[in-house]
Amino acid sequence: MNKPVKLACVVAAAMLAAPMVSFSQTAPADKAGYVVSPDRTAVKNGSGLCWRTGFWTPADAFVGCDDDLLPKAPPPPPAPPPAPAPPPP
């Protein structure tokens, strides 16, 4: 092969291989268990439920999708007992 044909083949191979780099990206680490939209929010179905991927685990739960799996807030402290009534006169 002559030099221009080799150069054309190398350039064509590079142009075909370049888009492959974009396909090898991983999901965002903070929502890897959910399908995410381009704006990095979880995708929900018509019922408001988040779409999970096959890699989802309970550790991936976050507010808005799996509220029942998240740790509950501690209950408020009990009210102090009422002050004793003053003695009758």
Protein backbone atom coordinates (compact mmCIF):
# COMPACT_ATOMS: atom_id res chain seq x y z
CA MET A 1 0.00 0.00 0.00
CA ASN A 2 1.15 3.47 -0.62
CA LYS A 3 1.54 6.09 2.07
CA PRO A 4 -1.70 8.09 1.48
CA VAL A 5 -3.84 4.94 1.63
CA LYS A 6 -2.20 3.85 4.90
CA LEU A 7 -2.75 7.30 6.34
CA ALA A 8 -6.40 7.25 5.28
CA CYS A 9 -6.87 3.84 6.93
CA VAL A 10 -5.29 5.04 10.19
CA VAL A 11 -7.43 8.18 10.23
CA ALA A 12 -10.59 6.18 9.49
CA ALA A 13 -9.79 3.71 12.27
CA ALA A 14 -9.19 6.55 14.72
CA MET A 15 -12.46 8.21 13.74
CA LEU A 16 -14.36 4.95 14.26
CA ALA A 17 -12.70 4.24 17.61
CA ALA A 18 -13.14 7.74 19.10
CA PRO A 19 -16.91 7.44 19.84
CA MET A 20 -16.29 4.17 21.70
CA VAL A 21 -14.76 6.15 24.55
CA SER A 22 -18.09 7.83 25.28
CA PHE A 23 -19.89 4.48 25.53
CA SER A 24 -17.59 3.24 28.28
CA GLN A 25 -18.76 5.75 30.87
CA THR A 26 -20.23 4.43 34.10
CA ALA A 27 -23.39 5.54 35.86
CA PRO A 28 -23.11 8.27 38.51
CA ALA A 29 -21.93 6.72 41.75
CA ASP A 30 -24.61 8.47 43.82
CA LYS A 31 -27.51 6.88 41.85
CA ALA A 32 -25.92 3.80 40.26
CA GLY A 33 -28.85 1.63 41.30
CA TYR A 34 -31.40 3.76 39.45
CA VAL A 35 -32.05 4.74 35.86
CA VAL A 36 -31.07 8.40 35.60
CA SER A 37 -32.02 11.10 33.11
CA PRO A 38 -29.48 13.42 31.46
CA ASP A 39 -30.00 15.96 34.25
CA ARG A 40 -28.90 13.24 36.73
CA THR A 41 -32.27 12.77 38.44
CA ALA A 42 -33.90 9.38 38.92
CA VAL A 43 -36.38 8.41 36.20
CA LYS A 44 -39.89 7.68 37.52
CA ASN A 45 -42.77 5.79 35.93
CA GLY A 46 -46.34 7.05 35.64
CA SER A 47 -47.09 5.97 39.22
CA GLY A 48 -44.19 7.98 40.62
CA LEU A 49 -42.00 4.95 41.34
CA CYS A 50 -38.29 5.12 40.52
CA TRP A 51 -36.88 2.73 37.91
CA ARG A 52 -34.17 0.52 39.43
CA THR A 53 -31.33 -1.11 37.54
CA GLY A 54 -30.14 -4.68 38.00
CA PHE A 55 -27.34 -3.34 40.19
CA TRP A 56 -29.67 -1.79 42.78
CA THR A 57 -29.17 -2.70 46.44
CA PRO A 58 -30.93 -1.38 49.56
CA ALA A 59 -27.79 0.65 50.26
CA ASP A 60 -28.59 2.70 47.12
CA ALA A 61 -31.90 3.97 48.55
CA PHE A 62 -32.31 7.73 48.63
CA VAL A 63 -35.00 10.27 49.50
CA GLY A 64 -37.75 10.45 46.91
CA CYS A 65 -37.48 6.86 45.74
CA ASP A 66 -37.20 4.51 48.71
CA ASP A 67 -38.23 6.52 51.74
CA ASP A 68 -39.38 3.38 53.57
CA LEU A 69 -35.85 1.89 53.39
CA LEU A 70 -34.08 4.95 54.80
CA PRO A 71 -33.36 5.29 58.52
CA LYS A 72 -36.18 7.02 60.32
CA ALA A 73 -35.65 10.29 62.18
CA PRO A 74 -35.53 9.84 65.96
CA PRO A 75 -38.80 10.66 67.71
CA PRO A 76 -38.98 14.02 69.48
CA PRO A 77 -38.08 13.97 73.18
CA PRO A 78 -41.02 13.53 75.54
CA ALA A 79 -42.61 16.66 76.93
CA PRO A 80 -41.45 17.61 80.43
CA PRO A 81 -43.87 16.74 83.22
CA PRO A 82 -46.21 19.54 84.27
CA ALA A 83 -45.10 21.73 87.15
CA PRO A 84 -46.74 20.88 90.47
CA ALA A 85 -49.75 22.98 91.37
CA PRO A 86 -49.20 25.58 94.08
CA PRO A 87 -50.59 24.61 97.49
CA PRO A 88 -54.07 25.91 98.28
CA PRO A 89 -54.19 29.03 100.47
